[in-house]
Amino acid sequence: MIRDGHLLAMRRDGILVVPAAFLGETAVVKGLGGTITLLRDNGYNEDEILTWLFTADDTLPGTPIDALRGDRGREVKRRAQAMGF
């Protein structure tokens, strides 16, 4: 999933790790893969995407990853699309 671009990982002490917030009880958080693809298509690199997903946004409220976990993916994708313009 990381290689295919549906999931992001980062290196921590030389080990590739996936943030726990990206995972639900049985699968990857719904809408995360599409949001990652959308941001990549808009020119964002992996570090910028990770930063955006975990940065608080008062208008959501919370972070984009919290909104995705809370089944508010449509609003997150709208914001990601708007960032490309």
Protein backbone atom coordinates (compact mmCIF):
# COMPACT_ATOMS: atom_id res chain seq x y z
CA MET A 1 0.00 0.00 0.00
CA ILE A 2 2.90 2.34 0.69
CA ARG A 3 4.55 1.53 -2.61
CA ASP A 4 1.24 1.99 -4.45
CA GLY A 5 0.69 5.41 -2.84
CA HIS A 6 -2.40 4.50 -0.82
CA LEU A 7 -0.63 4.93 2.48
CA LEU A 8 2.25 7.07 3.78
CA ALA A 9 5.05 6.08 6.10
CA MET A 10 7.96 7.90 7.66
CA ARG A 11 11.29 6.88 9.07
CA ARG A 12 11.71 6.93 12.82
CA ASP A 13 15.14 5.87 14.07
CA GLY A 14 15.79 4.32 10.67
CA ILE A 15 12.63 2.20 10.74
CA LEU A 16 9.76 2.78 8.33
CA VAL A 17 6.56 3.36 10.35
CA VAL A 18 2.94 4.12 9.51
CA PRO A 19 1.16 6.56 11.85
CA ALA A 20 -1.38 4.70 14.01
CA ALA A 21 -3.96 7.37 13.16
CA PHE A 22 -4.00 6.05 9.58
CA LEU A 23 -5.39 2.70 10.71
CA GLY A 24 -8.89 1.85 11.83
CA GLU A 25 -9.87 -1.32 13.62
CA THR A 26 -9.78 -3.48 10.51
CA ALA A 27 -8.44 -1.36 7.66
CA VAL A 28 -6.86 1.91 6.57
CA VAL A 29 -9.02 4.94 7.43
CA LYS A 30 -11.69 5.46 4.78
CA GLY A 31 -10.81 8.26 2.35
CA LEU A 32 -7.13 8.46 3.30
CA GLY A 33 -5.85 6.95 0.06
CA GLY A 34 -7.93 9.29 -2.07
CA THR A 35 -6.84 12.31 -0.04
CA ILE A 36 -3.17 11.34 -0.41
CA THR A 37 -3.60 10.92 -4.16
CA LEU A 38 -5.38 14.26 -4.45
CA LEU A 39 -2.63 16.08 -2.57
CA ARG A 40 0.10 14.36 -4.60
CA ASP A 41 -1.65 15.36 -7.81
CA ASN A 42 -1.60 18.94 -6.52
CA GLY A 43 2.19 18.80 -6.15
CA TYR A 44 2.59 18.05 -2.45
CA ASN A 45 5.40 15.73 -1.35
CA GLU A 46 5.07 13.11 1.39
CA ASP A 47 6.40 15.36 4.17
CA GLU A 48 4.00 18.15 3.22
CA ILE A 49 1.07 15.72 3.10
CA LEU A 50 1.92 14.31 6.53
CA THR A 51 2.25 17.80 7.96
CA TRP A 52 -1.10 18.86 6.48
CA LEU A 53 -2.91 15.76 7.74
CA PHE A 54 -1.72 16.34 11.32
CA THR A 55 -2.00 20.15 11.50
CA ALA A 56 -5.00 21.50 13.40
CA ASP A 57 -7.58 23.38 11.36
CA ASP A 58 -10.07 25.38 13.42
CA THR A 59 -12.64 25.27 10.63
CA LEU A 60 -12.85 21.45 10.66
CA PRO A 61 -12.37 21.46 13.82
CA GLY A 62 -9.32 19.34 14.60
CA THR A 63 -6.88 17.89 12.12
CA PRO A 64 -7.70 16.52 8.68
CA ILE A 65 -6.82 12.98 9.82
CA ASP A 66 -9.22 13.35 12.75
CA ALA A 67 -11.93 14.45 10.32
CA LEU A 68 -11.26 11.43 8.08
CA ARG A 69 -11.45 9.14 11.11
CA GLY A 70 -14.72 10.85 12.06
CA ASP A 71 -16.28 10.09 8.66
CA ARG A 72 -15.98 13.68 7.41
CA GLY A 73 -13.90 12.77 4.38
CA ARG A 74 -15.92 14.85 1.95
CA GLU A 75 -14.95 18.06 3.73
CA VAL A 76 -11.29 17.02 3.94
CA LYS A 77 -11.20 16.28 0.20
CA ARG A 78 -12.81 19.64 -0.58
CA ARG A 79 -10.08 21.40 1.34
CA ALA A 80 -7.36 19.31 -0.31
CA GLN A 81 -8.75 20.17 -3.75
CA ALA A 82 -8.86 23.87 -2.92
CA MET A 83 -5.21 23.80 -1.84
CA GLY A 84 -4.20 22.94 -5.40
CA PHE A 85 -5.45 26.24 -6.80
